[in-house]
Amino acid sequence: MNMMDMFGKMKEVQSRMKDAQETLSTITETGESGAGLVKVTVNGLKNVLKIEIDPDLIRPDDREMLQDLIVAATNKAMANIETKSREHLRQATEGLLPNIPGLNLDGLMS
């Protein structure tokens, strides 16, 4: 592959990565904790979109447990969306770049 072809591929990669990043805002994942009593939904940009709490948990004496469940559900949602986002970006750039040792596109999604 000559240098001009390589530059053309890089422009295409940049374009596809930009499109993929925009699409990530529409991809969502939900994490649950406490057997579904707390649910947290995040998008592919790692923004928390929604927190759902079972009404039975909203009691002053359960405040610390509720906080722990929210943290656990958020962490699960973030782990789920990380996997989904990586797959989306991998598909967006598939076949565009040769297998270049040391080239890591993971940093482009953060």
Protein backbone atom coordinates (compact mmCIF):
# COMPACT_ATOMS: atom_id res chain seq x y z
CA MET A 1 0.00 0.00 0.00
CA ASN A 2 1.53 3.34 -1.01
CA MET A 3 1.47 6.51 1.12
CA MET A 4 -1.43 8.10 -0.78
CA ASP A 5 -3.56 5.00 -0.28
CA MET A 6 -2.63 5.00 3.40
CA PHE A 7 -3.66 8.66 3.80
CA GLY A 8 -6.94 7.92 2.04
CA LYS A 9 -7.59 5.02 4.41
CA MET A 10 -6.80 7.21 7.42
CA LYS A 11 -9.32 9.83 6.27
CA GLU A 12 -11.91 7.10 5.89
CA VAL A 13 -11.07 5.76 9.35
CA GLN A 14 -11.48 9.25 10.82
CA SER A 15 -14.82 9.66 9.10
CA ARG A 16 -16.09 6.27 10.25
CA MET A 17 -14.86 6.86 13.80
CA LYS A 18 -16.71 10.20 13.90
CA ASP A 19 -19.89 8.52 12.67
CA ALA A 20 -19.42 5.69 15.17
CA GLN A 21 -18.95 8.15 18.05
CA GLU A 22 -22.20 9.90 17.08
CA THR A 23 -24.01 6.57 16.99
CA LEU A 24 -22.70 5.69 20.45
CA SER A 25 -24.99 8.33 21.95
CA THR A 26 -27.97 6.26 20.78
CA ILE A 27 -26.73 2.89 22.10
CA THR A 28 -27.89 2.12 25.64
CA GLU A 29 -27.29 -0.55 28.27
CA THR A 30 -28.89 -1.10 31.66
CA GLY A 31 -27.27 -2.51 34.76
CA GLU A 32 -29.30 -3.93 37.63
CA SER A 33 -28.55 -4.65 41.25
CA GLY A 34 -30.52 -5.96 44.20
CA ALA A 35 -32.40 -8.43 41.98
CA GLY A 36 -33.68 -5.59 39.80
CA LEU A 37 -34.59 -3.20 42.63
CA VAL A 38 -32.18 -0.60 41.21
CA LYS A 39 -31.61 -0.10 37.47
CA VAL A 40 -29.21 2.33 35.82
CA THR A 41 -29.26 3.05 32.09
CA VAL A 42 -26.22 4.55 30.33
CA ASN A 43 -25.40 5.39 26.73
CA GLY A 44 -22.33 4.57 24.67
CA LEU A 45 -20.79 7.91 25.63
CA LYS A 46 -20.94 6.70 29.23
CA ASN A 47 -23.58 9.19 30.32
CA VAL A 48 -26.07 8.03 32.94
CA LEU A 49 -29.49 8.48 31.34
CA LYS A 50 -31.85 7.07 33.93
CA ILE A 51 -31.92 5.62 37.42
CA GLU A 52 -34.93 3.54 38.44
CA ILE A 53 -35.48 2.67 42.09
CA ASP A 54 -38.13 0.29 43.35
CA PRO A 55 -40.46 2.28 45.64
CA ASP A 56 -39.97 -0.26 48.44
CA LEU A 57 -36.33 0.84 48.74
CA ILE A 58 -37.07 4.48 49.41
CA ARG A 59 -36.94 4.47 53.20
CA PRO A 60 -34.64 6.62 55.32
CA ASP A 61 -33.26 3.61 57.22
CA ASP A 62 -32.18 1.93 53.94
CA ARG A 63 -30.25 4.94 52.62
CA GLU A 64 -26.79 3.33 52.75
CA MET A 65 -27.98 0.12 51.09
CA LEU A 66 -29.69 2.14 48.36
CA GLN A 67 -26.49 4.06 47.69
CA ASP A 68 -24.55 0.80 47.41
CA LEU A 69 -27.12 -0.64 45.01
CA ILE A 70 -26.98 2.46 42.80
CA VAL A 71 -23.18 2.23 42.62
CA ALA A 72 -23.36 -1.49 41.78
CA ALA A 73 -26.00 -0.98 39.07
CA THR A 74 -24.04 1.93 37.57
CA ASN A 75 -20.85 -0.11 37.45
CA LYS A 76 -22.67 -2.99 35.73
CA ALA A 77 -24.21 -0.63 33.17
CA MET A 78 -20.81 0.95 32.46
CA ALA A 79 -19.19 -2.47 32.00
CA ASN A 80 -22.00 -3.53 29.66
CA ILE A 81 -21.78 -0.38 27.54
CA GLU A 82 -17.98 -0.61 27.37
CA THR A 83 -18.28 -4.02 25.72
CA LYS A 84 -21.03 -2.88 23.37
CA SER A 85 -19.15 0.32 22.43
CA ARG A 86 -15.91 -1.53 21.65
CA GLU A 87 -17.80 -3.93 19.39
CA HIS A 88 -19.55 -1.05 17.61
CA LEU A 89 -16.26 0.76 16.97
CA ARG A 90 -14.56 -2.46 15.86
CA GLN A 91 -17.31 -3.03 13.30
CA ALA A 92 -17.13 0.61 12.15
CA THR A 93 -13.43 0.32 11.30
CA GLU A 94 -13.37 -3.31 10.16
CA GLY A 95 -11.31 -3.84 7.03
CA LEU A 96 -10.07 -0.25 6.85
CA LEU A 97 -6.65 -0.64 8.39
CA PRO A 98 -4.04 -3.29 7.84
CA ASN A 99 -2.90 -5.23 10.87
CA ILE A 100 -0.32 -2.76 12.15
CA PRO A 101 1.53 -3.97 15.26
CA GLY A 102 1.05 -1.55 18.14
CA LEU A 103 -1.91 0.26 16.55
CA ASN A 104 -4.61 0.46 19.18
CA LEU A 105 -7.87 2.27 18.42
CA ASP A 106 -9.27 1.76 21.93
CA GLY A 107 -8.18 5.25 22.98
CA LEU A 108 -10.37 6.79 20.30
CA MET A 109 -13.53 5.80 22.08
CA SER A 110 -12.81 7.35 25.46
